[in-house]
Amino acid sequence: MSDSTTDTIEEQALALLSARDQPRRRARPRVGRALAEASEHMLPIESGEIAAWRLGEGPAVLMIHGWEDDNALWGPAVDLFAQWGRPVVVIDLPGHGLSTATDATIRSAGQAVIAAAQTLGPIEAVIGHSYGCGAIIHALSHGLRVSKAVLIASPLPRTRPRKPLEVEAEPEVIARAEEIRQARAANQTEKIEAAIAGMTTPCLVVCSIDDEQTPLSNSQRLAQLWPGADLFLADQLGHRFVAQDGDVLARVVSWIEGA
């Protein structure tokens, strides 16, 4: 195989991965009903602006949704915190919802969390679901300071090999893309585990045993690595509904409020 052919395969593989890592937005971005009375903000980060909402005055809980989701995930949580008189801040991550920021990498997501905390604080605690957990881990590793963190259905640290790519492309391009992808995942896991092991923020790890997207072993490993972390397991709630279930949220709110 000539050098030019090798270069072309490499370029195509990288382009394939780049395109695959772009989230799909809803056709019509929305604001959850629970945030109807919240103040709206557009906060600048490197790749544009993120949409953010604050409801109430005083130390707040900052909530971060997962991949290809948005602010509306947190409707039940916003309502429950309101019963406790706890203000909340909710954001749309870069590449999601009403945010104009286009870079949806974990680094950019972490920047969004920090920007929201700095601009709309004080922030007492953070709650993340799925990809939002990675954003919180990145933010805490880069200067974010809060009293408590809740990570729900975390995809990190990864404890199983990533599923093979299911895309249409030349076999040699797919094969090279898979090599790059798996190497990146291994390197990322090593760095993330080191960061988690150095955390000082009290953490509650939440997972539904039947989660179809992020295995229980991820959350077990996360709780094992995070110094002093608590692990709370639910069942029959799947990947997304675990962040909206009343009993789970009651446990989360009680843990944050120290009740």
C-alpha atoms as a PDB file:
ATOM      1  CA  MET A   1       0.000   0.000   0.000  1.00  0.00           C
ATOM      2  CA  SER A   2       1.451   3.373  -1.027  1.00  0.00           C
ATOM      3  CA  ASP A   3       2.012   6.224   1.412  1.00  0.00           C
ATOM      4  CA  SER A   4      -0.635   8.293  -0.352  1.00  0.00           C
ATOM      5  CA  THR A   5      -3.185   5.511   0.028  1.00  0.00           C
ATOM      6  CA  THR A   6      -2.295   5.147   3.712  1.00  0.00           C
ATOM      7  CA  ASP A   7      -2.691   8.907   4.207  1.00  0.00           C
ATOM      8  CA  THR A   8      -6.092   8.802   2.519  1.00  0.00           C
ATOM      9  CA  ILE A   9      -7.308   5.967   4.747  1.00  0.00           C
ATOM     10  CA  GLU A  10      -6.065   7.823   7.820  1.00  0.00           C
ATOM     11  CA  GLU A  11      -7.807  11.028   6.771  1.00  0.00           C
ATOM     12  CA  GLN A  12     -11.041   9.216   5.978  1.00  0.00           C
ATOM     13  CA  ALA A  13     -10.939   7.352   9.289  1.00  0.00           C
ATOM     14  CA  LEU A  14     -10.432  10.572  11.236  1.00  0.00           C
ATOM     15  CA  ALA A  15     -13.220  12.284   9.291  1.00  0.00           C
ATOM     16  CA  LEU A  16     -15.532   9.343   9.968  1.00  0.00           C
ATOM     17  CA  LEU A  17     -14.877   9.563  13.706  1.00  0.00           C
ATOM     18  CA  SER A  18     -15.290  13.333  13.723  1.00  0.00           C
ATOM     19  CA  ALA A  19     -18.676  13.115  12.011  1.00  0.00           C
ATOM     20  CA  ARG A  20     -19.802  10.326  14.313  1.00  0.00           C
ATOM     21  CA  ASP A  21     -18.931  12.350  17.413  1.00  0.00           C
ATOM     22  CA  GLN A  22     -21.366  15.142  16.558  1.00  0.00           C
ATOM     23  CA  PRO A  23     -24.625  14.918  18.532  1.00  0.00           C
ATOM     24  CA  ARG A  24     -27.988  15.126  16.791  1.00  0.00           C
ATOM     25  CA  ARG A  25     -30.090  18.040  17.982  1.00  0.00           C
ATOM     26  CA  ARG A  26     -33.841  17.986  18.304  1.00  0.00           C
ATOM     27  CA  ALA A  27     -35.561  19.502  15.263  1.00  0.00           C
ATOM     28  CA  ARG A  28     -37.114  22.063  17.603  1.00  0.00           C
ATOM     29  CA  PRO A  29     -35.010  22.822  20.690  1.00  0.00           C
ATOM     30  CA  ARG A  30     -37.147  23.219  23.798  1.00  0.00           C
ATOM     31  CA  VAL A  31     -37.204  24.673  27.279  1.00  0.00           C
ATOM     32  CA  GLY A  32     -38.686  22.357  29.892  1.00  0.00           C
ATOM     33  CA  ARG A  33     -41.921  23.480  31.526  1.00  0.00           C
ATOM     34  CA  ALA A  34     -40.286  23.422  34.948  1.00  0.00           C
ATOM     35  CA  LEU A  35     -38.011  26.265  33.781  1.00  0.00           C
ATOM     36  CA  ALA A  36     -40.820  28.485  32.493  1.00  0.00           C
ATOM     37  CA  GLU A  37     -40.235  31.043  35.251  1.00  0.00           C
ATOM     38  CA  ALA A  38     -36.435  30.774  35.258  1.00  0.00           C
ATOM     39  CA  SER A  39     -34.110  33.558  34.151  1.00  0.00           C
ATOM     40  CA  GLU A  40     -32.501  32.737  30.783  1.00  0.00           C
ATOM     41  CA  HIS A  41     -28.834  33.271  29.951  1.00  0.00           C
ATOM     42  CA  MET A  42     -26.412  32.705  27.092  1.00  0.00           C
ATOM     43  CA  LEU A  43     -22.916  32.117  28.448  1.00  0.00           C
ATOM     44  CA  PRO A  44     -19.774  32.352  26.266  1.00  0.00           C
ATOM     45  CA  ILE A  45     -17.279  29.504  25.964  1.00  0.00           C
ATOM     46  CA  GLU A  46     -14.635  28.864  23.289  1.00  0.00           C
ATOM     47  CA  SER A  47     -16.913  27.490  20.546  1.00  0.00           C
ATOM     48  CA  GLY A  48     -19.923  29.743  21.029  1.00  0.00           C
ATOM     49  CA  GLU A  49     -22.493  30.147  23.775  1.00  0.00           C
ATOM     50  CA  ILE A  50     -24.364  27.762  26.038  1.00  0.00           C
ATOM     51  CA  ALA A  51     -27.977  28.228  27.082  1.00  0.00           C
ATOM     52  CA  ALA A  52     -28.530  28.316  30.849  1.00  0.00           C
ATOM     53  CA  TRP A  53     -31.406  28.912  33.248  1.00  0.00           C
ATOM     54  CA  ARG A  54     -31.468  29.904  36.919  1.00  0.00           C
ATOM     55  CA  LEU A  55     -34.482  29.457  39.150  1.00  0.00           C
ATOM     56  CA  GLY A  56     -34.311  31.020  42.615  1.00  0.00           C
ATOM     57  CA  GLU A  57     -31.737  32.965  44.601  1.00  0.00           C
ATOM     58  CA  GLY A  58     -28.906  31.623  46.734  1.00  0.00           C
ATOM     59  CA  PRO A  59     -26.661  28.512  46.637  1.00  0.00           C
ATOM     60  CA  ALA A  60     -27.977  26.356  43.792  1.00  0.00           C
ATOM     61  CA  VAL A  61     -27.759  22.858  42.359  1.00  0.00           C
ATOM     62  CA  LEU A  62     -26.323  22.766  38.823  1.00  0.00           C
ATOM     63  CA  MET A  63     -27.734  20.018  36.585  1.00  0.00           C
ATOM     64  CA  ILE A  64     -26.058  18.661  33.439  1.00  0.00           C
ATOM     65  CA  HIS A  65     -27.874  16.398  30.971  1.00  0.00           C
ATOM     66  CA  GLY A  66     -26.437  13.616  28.822  1.00  0.00           C
ATOM     67  CA  TRP A  67     -25.603  13.025  25.151  1.00  0.00           C
ATOM     68  CA  GLU A  68     -28.323  14.124  22.706  1.00  0.00           C
ATOM     69  CA  ASP A  69     -30.557  15.248  25.573  1.00  0.00           C
ATOM     70  CA  ASP A  70     -31.337  18.722  26.923  1.00  0.00           C
ATOM     71  CA  ASN A  71     -32.559  20.805  29.853  1.00  0.00           C
ATOM     72  CA  ALA A  72     -35.990  19.159  29.863  1.00  0.00           C
ATOM     73  CA  LEU A  73     -34.519  15.986  31.406  1.00  0.00           C
ATOM     74  CA  TRP A  74     -34.471  17.721  34.768  1.00  0.00           C
ATOM     75  CA  GLY A  75     -38.146  18.725  35.054  1.00  0.00           C
ATOM     76  CA  PRO A  76     -38.945  16.307  37.916  1.00  0.00           C
ATOM     77  CA  ALA A  77     -35.722  17.203  39.757  1.00  0.00           C
ATOM     78  CA  VAL A  78     -36.368  20.951  39.420  1.00  0.00           C
ATOM     79  CA  ASP A  79     -39.859  20.482  40.862  1.00  0.00           C
ATOM     80  CA  LEU A  80     -38.580  18.415  43.765  1.00  0.00           C
ATOM     81  CA  PHE A  81     -35.817  20.843  44.675  1.00  0.00           C
ATOM     82  CA  ALA A  82     -38.393  23.649  44.567  1.00  0.00           C
ATOM     83  CA  GLN A  83     -40.267  21.877  47.368  1.00  0.00           C
ATOM     84  CA  TRP A  84     -37.098  22.131  49.448  1.00  0.00           C
ATOM     85  CA  GLY A  85     -36.620  25.779  48.517  1.00  0.00           C
ATOM     86  CA  ARG A  86     -33.379  24.975  46.718  1.00  0.00           C
ATOM     87  CA  PRO A  87     -32.480  27.133  43.688  1.00  0.00           C
ATOM     88  CA  VAL A  88     -31.341  25.331  40.538  1.00  0.00           C
ATOM     89  CA  VAL A  89     -29.220  26.079  37.479  1.00  0.00           C
ATOM     90  CA  VAL A  90     -29.747  24.031  34.319  1.00  0.00           C
ATOM     91  CA  ILE A  91     -27.750  24.162  31.089  1.00  0.00           C
ATOM     92  CA  ASP A  92     -27.818  22.809  27.561  1.00  0.00           C
ATOM     93  CA  LEU A  93     -24.399  21.359  26.796  1.00  0.00           C
ATOM     94  CA  PRO A  94     -22.431  22.492  23.716  1.00  0.00           C
ATOM     95  CA  GLY A  95     -23.886  20.949  20.576  1.00  0.00           C
ATOM     96  CA  HIS A  96     -27.217  20.407  22.317  1.00  0.00           C
ATOM     97  CA  GLY A  97     -30.552  22.109  22.767  1.00  0.00           C
ATOM     98  CA  LEU A  98     -30.524  25.896  22.501  1.00  0.00           C
ATOM     99  CA  SER A  99     -26.754  26.259  22.913  1.00  0.00           C
ATOM    100  CA  THR A 100     -24.956  27.729  19.904  1.00  0.00           C
ATOM    101  CA  ALA A 101     -21.566  26.324  20.953  1.00  0.00           C
ATOM    102  CA  THR A 102     -20.626  23.592  18.498  1.00  0.00           C
ATOM    103  CA  ASP A 103     -17.751  21.719  20.159  1.00  0.00           C
ATOM    104  CA  ALA A 104     -19.334  18.775  21.979  1.00  0.00           C
ATOM    105  CA  THR A 105     -16.095  17.257  23.281  1.00  0.00           C
ATOM    106  CA  ILE A 106     -15.764  16.410  26.963  1.00  0.00           C
ATOM    107  CA  ARG A 107     -13.333  19.312  27.350  1.00  0.00           C
ATOM    108  CA  SER A 108     -15.885  21.762  25.990  1.00  0.00           C
ATOM    109  CA  ALA A 109     -18.621  20.222  28.142  1.00  0.00           C
ATOM    110  CA  GLY A 110     -16.425  20.697  31.206  1.00  0.00           C
ATOM    111  CA  GLN A 111     -15.849  24.320  30.221  1.00  0.00           C
ATOM    112  CA  ALA A 112     -19.615  24.786  30.026  1.00  0.00           C
ATOM    113  CA  VAL A 113     -20.060  23.480  33.570  1.00  0.00           C
ATOM    114  CA  ILE A 114     -17.360  25.814  34.884  1.00  0.00           C
ATOM    115  CA  ALA A 115     -18.800  28.798  32.981  1.00  0.00           C
ATOM    116  CA  ALA A 116     -22.254  28.192  34.438  1.00  0.00           C
ATOM    117  CA  ALA A 117     -20.872  27.840  37.963  1.00  0.00           C
ATOM    118  CA  GLN A 118     -18.779  30.998  37.676  1.00  0.00           C
ATOM    119  CA  THR A 119     -21.506  33.134  36.118  1.00  0.00           C
ATOM    120  CA  LEU A 120     -24.656  31.828  37.784  1.00  0.00           C
ATOM    121  CA  GLY A 121     -23.259  30.717  41.138  1.00  0.00           C
ATOM    122  CA  PRO A 122     -22.961  30.208  43.968  1.00  0.00           C
ATOM    123  CA  ILE A 123     -23.285  26.493  43.219  1.00  0.00           C
ATOM    124  CA  GLU A 124     -23.683  24.140  46.168  1.00  0.00           C
ATOM    125  CA  ALA A 125     -23.849  20.831  44.280  1.00  0.00           C
ATOM    126  CA  VAL A 126     -23.766  19.362  40.780  1.00  0.00           C
ATOM    127  CA  ILE A 127     -25.823  16.556  39.275  1.00  0.00           C
ATOM    128  CA  GLY A 128     -24.937  14.886  35.989  1.00  0.00           C
ATOM    129  CA  HIS A 129     -26.604  12.230  33.884  1.00  0.00           C
ATOM    130  CA  SER A 130     -24.674  10.013  31.451  1.00  0.00           C
ATOM    131  CA  TYR A 131     -22.356  12.236  29.359  1.00  0.00           C
ATOM    132  CA  GLY A 132     -22.994  14.993  31.877  1.00  0.00           C
ATOM    133  CA  CYS A 133     -21.062  12.898  34.412  1.00  0.00           C
ATOM    134  CA  GLY A 134     -17.972  13.189  32.240  1.00  0.00           C
ATOM    135  CA  ALA A 135     -18.485  16.944  32.033  1.00  0.00           C
ATOM    136  CA  ILE A 136     -18.571  17.138  35.832  1.00  0.00           C
ATOM    137  CA  ILE A 137     -15.459  14.985  36.251  1.00  0.00           C
ATOM    138  CA  HIS A 138     -13.606  17.211  33.789  1.00  0.00           C
ATOM    139  CA  ALA A 139     -14.814  20.387  35.508  1.00  0.00           C
ATOM    140  CA  LEU A 140     -13.848  19.151  38.977  1.00  0.00           C
ATOM    141  CA  SER A 141     -10.424  18.231  37.603  1.00  0.00           C
ATOM    142  CA  HIS A 142     -10.014  21.770  36.247  1.00  0.00           C
ATOM    143  CA  GLY A 143     -10.911  23.964  39.174  1.00  0.00           C
ATOM    144  CA  LEU A 144     -14.631  23.586  39.865  1.00  0.00           C
ATOM    145  CA  ARG A 145     -15.336  23.608  43.594  1.00  0.00           C
ATOM    146  CA  VAL A 146     -18.663  22.383  44.995  1.00  0.00           C
ATOM    147  CA  SER A 147     -19.800  20.715  48.218  1.00  0.00           C
ATOM    148  CA  LYS A 148     -21.343  17.597  46.643  1.00  0.00           C
ATOM    149  CA  ALA A 149     -21.600  15.774  43.308  1.00  0.00           C
ATOM    150  CA  VAL A 150     -24.161  13.247  42.053  1.00  0.00           C
ATOM    151  CA  LEU A 151     -23.308  11.134  38.999  1.00  0.00           C
ATOM    152  CA  ILE A 152     -26.204   9.197  37.448  1.00  0.00           C
ATOM    153  CA  ALA A 153     -25.718   6.431  34.849  1.00  0.00           C
ATOM    154  CA  SER A 154     -22.100   7.364  34.275  1.00  0.00           C
ATOM    155  CA  PRO A 155     -20.364   6.045  31.133  1.00  0.00           C
ATOM    156  CA  LEU A 156     -17.032   6.656  32.890  1.00  0.00           C
ATOM    157  CA  PRO A 157     -14.773   5.034  33.736  1.00  0.00           C
ATOM    158  CA  ARG A 158     -15.341   2.585  30.904  1.00  0.00           C
ATOM    159  CA  THR A 159     -15.186  -1.051  32.028  1.00  0.00           C
ATOM    160  CA  ARG A 160     -16.080  -2.786  28.767  1.00  0.00           C
ATOM    161  CA  PRO A 161     -14.679  -2.460  25.235  1.00  0.00           C
ATOM    162  CA  ARG A 162     -16.595  -0.070  23.040  1.00  0.00           C
ATOM    163  CA  LYS A 163     -19.019  -1.707  20.646  1.00  0.00           C
ATOM    164  CA  PRO A 164     -17.673  -2.001  17.079  1.00  0.00           C
ATOM    165  CA  LEU A 165     -18.476   0.824  14.715  1.00  0.00           C
ATOM    166  CA  GLU A 166     -21.631   0.350  12.681  1.00  0.00           C
ATOM    167  CA  VAL A 167     -21.131   2.707   9.746  1.00  0.00           C
ATOM    168  CA  GLU A 168     -20.997   2.582   5.982  1.00  0.00           C
ATOM    169  CA  ALA A 169     -17.470   3.002   4.621  1.00  0.00           C
ATOM    170  CA  GLU A 170     -14.669   1.039   3.002  1.00  0.00           C
ATOM    171  CA  PRO A 171     -13.575  -1.887   5.214  1.00  0.00           C
ATOM    172  CA  GLU A 172     -10.021  -0.604   5.546  1.00  0.00           C
ATOM    173  CA  VAL A 173     -11.309   2.824   6.624  1.00  0.00           C
ATOM    174  CA  ILE A 174     -13.613   1.290   9.230  1.00  0.00           C
ATOM    175  CA  ALA A 175     -10.787  -0.905  10.492  1.00  0.00           C
ATOM    176  CA  ARG A 176      -8.444   2.074  10.894  1.00  0.00           C
ATOM    177  CA  ALA A 177     -11.174   4.169  12.532  1.00  0.00           C
ATOM    178  CA  GLU A 178     -11.788   1.343  14.989  1.00  0.00           C
ATOM    179  CA  GLU A 179      -8.079   1.163  15.853  1.00  0.00           C
ATOM    180  CA  ILE A 180      -7.956   4.906  16.523  1.00  0.00           C
ATOM    181  CA  ARG A 181     -11.185   4.817  18.514  1.00  0.00           C
ATOM    182  CA  GLN A 182     -10.138   1.972  20.793  1.00  0.00           C
ATOM    183  CA  ALA A 183      -6.721   3.526  21.399  1.00  0.00           C
ATOM    184  CA  ARG A 184      -8.342   6.833  22.336  1.00  0.00           C
ATOM    185  CA  ALA A 185     -10.754   5.061  24.691  1.00  0.00           C
ATOM    186  CA  ALA A 186      -7.934   3.232  26.472  1.00  0.00           C
ATOM    187  CA  ASN A 187      -5.931   6.432  26.905  1.00  0.00           C
ATOM    188  CA  GLN A 188      -8.997   8.324  28.072  1.00  0.00           C
ATOM    189  CA  THR A 189      -9.916   5.667  30.630  1.00  0.00           C
ATOM    190  CA  GLU A 190      -6.421   5.740  32.136  1.00  0.00           C
ATOM    191  CA  LYS A 191      -6.502   9.534  32.544  1.00  0.00           C
ATOM    192  CA  ILE A 192     -10.068   9.559  33.874  1.00  0.00           C
ATOM    193  CA  GLU A 193      -9.374   6.884  36.468  1.00  0.00           C
ATOM    194  CA  ALA A 194      -6.372   8.857  37.722  1.00  0.00           C
ATOM    195  CA  ALA A 195      -8.489  12.016  37.961  1.00  0.00           C
ATOM    196  CA  ILE A 196     -11.310  10.230  39.798  1.00  0.00           C
ATOM    197  CA  ALA A 197      -8.907   8.714  42.324  1.00  0.00           C
ATOM    198  CA  GLY A 198      -7.798  12.232  43.275  1.00  0.00           C
ATOM    199  CA  MET A 199     -11.255  13.665  43.886  1.00  0.00           C
ATOM    200  CA  THR A 200     -12.071  15.282  47.241  1.00  0.00           C
ATOM    201  CA  THR A 201     -15.715  16.251  46.637  1.00  0.00           C
ATOM    202  CA  PRO A 202     -18.249  13.930  48.344  1.00  0.00           C
ATOM    203  CA  CYS A 203     -19.998  11.928  45.622  1.00  0.00           C
ATOM    204  CA  LEU A 204     -23.168   9.874  45.233  1.00  0.00           C
ATOM    205  CA  VAL A 205     -23.052   7.413  42.315  1.00  0.00           C
ATOM    206  CA  VAL A 206     -26.464   6.310  41.011  1.00  0.00           C
ATOM    207  CA  CYS A 207     -27.215   3.545  38.517  1.00  0.00           C
ATOM    208  CA  SER A 208     -30.131   1.377  37.454  1.00  0.00           C
ATOM    209  CA  ILE A 209     -29.046  -2.263  37.352  1.00  0.00           C
ATOM    210  CA  ASP A 210     -30.821  -2.795  34.019  1.00  0.00           C
ATOM    211  CA  ASP A 211     -29.205   0.238  32.311  1.00  0.00           C
ATOM    212  CA  GLU A 212     -29.061  -0.682  28.618  1.00  0.00           C
ATOM    213  CA  GLN A 213     -26.432   1.923  27.674  1.00  0.00           C
ATOM    214  CA  THR A 214     -23.980   2.247  30.549  1.00  0.00           C
ATOM    215  CA  PRO A 215     -23.248  -1.005  32.409  1.00  0.00           C
ATOM    216  CA  LEU A 216     -23.498  -1.323  36.174  1.00  0.00           C
ATOM    217  CA  SER A 217     -19.782  -2.129  36.263  1.00  0.00           C
ATOM    218  CA  ASN A 218     -19.021   1.475  35.218  1.00  0.00           C
ATOM    219  CA  SER A 219     -20.765   2.879  38.280  1.00  0.00           C
ATOM    220  CA  GLN A 220     -19.273   0.240  40.553  1.00  0.00           C
ATOM    221  CA  ARG A 221     -15.791   1.093  39.311  1.00  0.00           C
ATOM    222  CA  LEU A 222     -16.500   4.815  39.669  1.00  0.00           C
ATOM    223  CA  ALA A 223     -17.628   4.394  43.280  1.00  0.00           C
ATOM    224  CA  GLN A 224     -14.610   2.203  43.992  1.00  0.00           C
ATOM    225  CA  LEU A 225     -12.137   4.756  42.662  1.00  0.00           C
ATOM    226  CA  TRP A 226     -13.772   7.921  44.047  1.00  0.00           C
ATOM    227  CA  PRO A 227     -12.601   8.360  47.661  1.00  0.00           C
ATOM    228  CA  GLY A 228     -15.543   7.981  50.061  1.00  0.00           C
ATOM    229  CA  ALA A 229     -18.190   7.749  47.318  1.00  0.00           C
ATOM    230  CA  ASP A 230     -21.626   6.283  48.056  1.00  0.00           C
ATOM    231  CA  LEU A 231     -23.269   3.919  45.540  1.00  0.00           C
ATOM    232  CA  PHE A 232     -27.064   3.852  45.181  1.00  0.00           C
ATOM    233  CA  LEU A 233     -28.605   1.192  42.937  1.00  0.00           C
ATOM    234  CA  ALA A 234     -32.077   1.190  41.423  1.00  0.00           C
ATOM    235  CA  ASP A 235     -33.647  -1.313  39.039  1.00  0.00           C
ATOM    236  CA  GLN A 236     -36.083  -1.467  36.126  1.00  0.00           C
ATOM    237  CA  LEU A 237     -35.527   2.193  35.282  1.00  0.00           C
ATOM    238  CA  GLY A 238     -33.159   1.893  32.328  1.00  0.00           C
ATOM    239  CA  HIS A 239     -30.657   4.534  31.284  1.00  0.00           C
ATOM    240  CA  ARG A 240     -32.675   7.753  31.153  1.00  0.00           C
ATOM    241  CA  PHE A 241     -35.652   7.335  33.453  1.00  0.00           C
ATOM    242  CA  VAL A 242     -33.346   6.700  36.412  1.00  0.00           C
ATOM    243  CA  ALA A 243     -32.707  10.471  36.350  1.00  0.00           C
ATOM    244  CA  GLN A 244     -36.448  11.203  36.579  1.00  0.00           C
ATOM    245  CA  ASP A 245     -37.793   8.524  38.900  1.00  0.00           C
ATOM    246  CA  GLY A 246     -39.412   9.940  42.032  1.00  0.00           C
ATOM    247  CA  ASP A 247     -37.811   7.526  44.494  1.00  0.00           C
ATOM    248  CA  VAL A 248     -34.355   7.971  43.015  1.00  0.00           C
ATOM    249  CA  LEU A 249     -34.686  11.747  43.027  1.00  0.00           C
ATOM    250  CA  ALA A 250     -35.922  11.716  46.612  1.00  0.00           C
ATOM    251  CA  ARG A 251     -32.723   9.859  47.556  1.00  0.00           C
ATOM    252  CA  VAL A 252     -30.606  12.319  45.569  1.00  0.00           C
ATOM    253  CA  VAL A 253     -32.264  15.404  47.036  1.00  0.00           C
ATOM    254  CA  SER A 254     -32.093  14.004  50.563  1.00  0.00           C
ATOM    255  CA  TRP A 255     -28.375  13.243  50.131  1.00  0.00           C
ATOM    256  CA  ILE A 256     -27.607  16.735  48.833  1.00  0.00           C
ATOM    257  CA  GLU A 257     -29.676  18.463  51.487  1.00  0.00           C
ATOM    258  CA  GLY A 258     -28.218  16.300  54.229  1.00  0.00           C
ATOM    259  CA  ALA A 259     -31.618  15.153  55.444  1.00  0.00           C
END
